[in-house]
């Protein structure tokens, strides 16, 4: 894969959209991520997309997981 080129006239260390990451880190949350500290650590590690494991949560348990993730963010 070829490296993207820096926009002409952009000083090093300045905002350059061509240098933004093109990867989204996703995470499946389940019982091991119940603690707000664990969810915060996952966010700090770079996760930006969360999938709720519906098998573990069941229909009634999905809303609390959404609330947990939002609270940690």
Protein backbone atom coordinates (compact mmCIF):
# COMPACT_ATOMS: atom_id res chain seq x y z
CA UNK A 1 0.00 0.00 0.00
CA UNK A 2 1.40 3.39 -0.95
CA UNK A 3 1.85 6.01 1.76
CA UNK A 4 -0.43 9.01 1.56
CA UNK A 5 1.32 12.22 0.71
CA UNK A 6 1.26 15.23 2.98
CA UNK A 7 -0.68 18.17 1.56
CA UNK A 8 1.69 20.73 0.10
CA UNK A 9 2.27 23.66 2.44
CA UNK A 10 1.28 21.78 5.59
CA UNK A 11 3.80 22.21 8.37
CA UNK A 12 4.76 19.10 10.35
CA UNK A 13 2.67 18.66 13.48
CA UNK A 14 -0.28 20.66 12.13
CA UNK A 15 -3.77 19.36 11.35
CA UNK A 16 -3.71 17.41 8.12
CA UNK A 17 -6.81 15.37 7.15
CA UNK A 18 -4.69 13.17 4.89
CA UNK A 19 -2.86 11.88 7.97
CA UNK A 20 -5.96 10.92 10.00
CA UNK A 21 -6.33 7.24 10.85
CA UNK A 22 -8.57 5.23 8.54
CA UNK A 23 -9.18 2.42 11.00
CA UNK A 24 -12.07 2.02 13.43
CA UNK A 25 -11.44 -0.13 16.47
CA UNK A 26 -14.54 -2.08 17.47
CA UNK A 27 -15.23 -3.91 20.70
CA UNK A 28 -17.84 -6.48 21.67
CA UNK A 29 -19.00 -5.79 25.22
CA UNK A 30 -20.24 -8.47 27.57
CA UNK A 31 -19.99 -9.47 31.22
CA UNK A 32 -16.22 -8.91 31.37
CA UNK A 33 -16.76 -5.22 30.50
CA UNK A 34 -19.43 -4.49 33.11
CA UNK A 35 -17.20 -2.25 35.20
CA UNK A 36 -17.11 1.46 34.20
CA UNK A 37 -13.32 1.36 34.71
CA UNK A 38 -12.97 -1.44 32.14
CA UNK A 39 -15.17 0.40 29.62
CA UNK A 40 -13.12 3.58 30.14
CA UNK A 41 -9.90 1.64 29.60
CA UNK A 42 -11.28 0.20 26.35
CA UNK A 43 -12.20 3.71 25.19
CA UNK A 44 -8.76 5.03 26.13
CA UNK A 45 -7.21 2.16 24.17
CA UNK A 46 -8.95 3.48 21.06
CA UNK A 47 -12.26 1.65 20.69
CA UNK A 48 -14.87 3.77 18.91
CA UNK A 49 -17.50 1.21 17.94
CA UNK A 50 -19.23 -1.01 20.48
CA UNK A 51 -21.22 -4.16 19.74
CA UNK A 52 -23.44 -5.42 22.53
CA UNK A 53 -23.42 -9.18 22.89
CA UNK A 54 -27.19 -9.78 22.78
CA UNK A 55 -26.84 -13.46 23.65
CA UNK A 56 -25.43 -12.53 27.03
CA UNK A 57 -27.66 -9.48 27.60
CA UNK A 58 -31.00 -10.68 26.24
CA UNK A 59 -33.62 -8.26 24.93
CA UNK A 60 -34.28 -6.57 28.26
CA UNK A 61 -30.59 -6.24 29.07
CA UNK A 62 -29.46 -4.25 26.02
CA UNK A 63 -30.61 -0.78 27.19
CA UNK A 64 -28.51 -0.90 30.40
CA UNK A 65 -25.45 -1.75 28.28
CA UNK A 66 -26.08 1.25 26.04
CA UNK A 67 -26.33 3.41 29.17
CA UNK A 68 -23.06 1.96 30.55
CA UNK A 69 -21.17 2.70 27.34
CA UNK A 70 -22.57 6.23 27.12
CA UNK A 71 -21.69 6.87 30.77
CA UNK A 72 -18.11 5.70 30.22
CA UNK A 73 -17.73 7.92 27.16
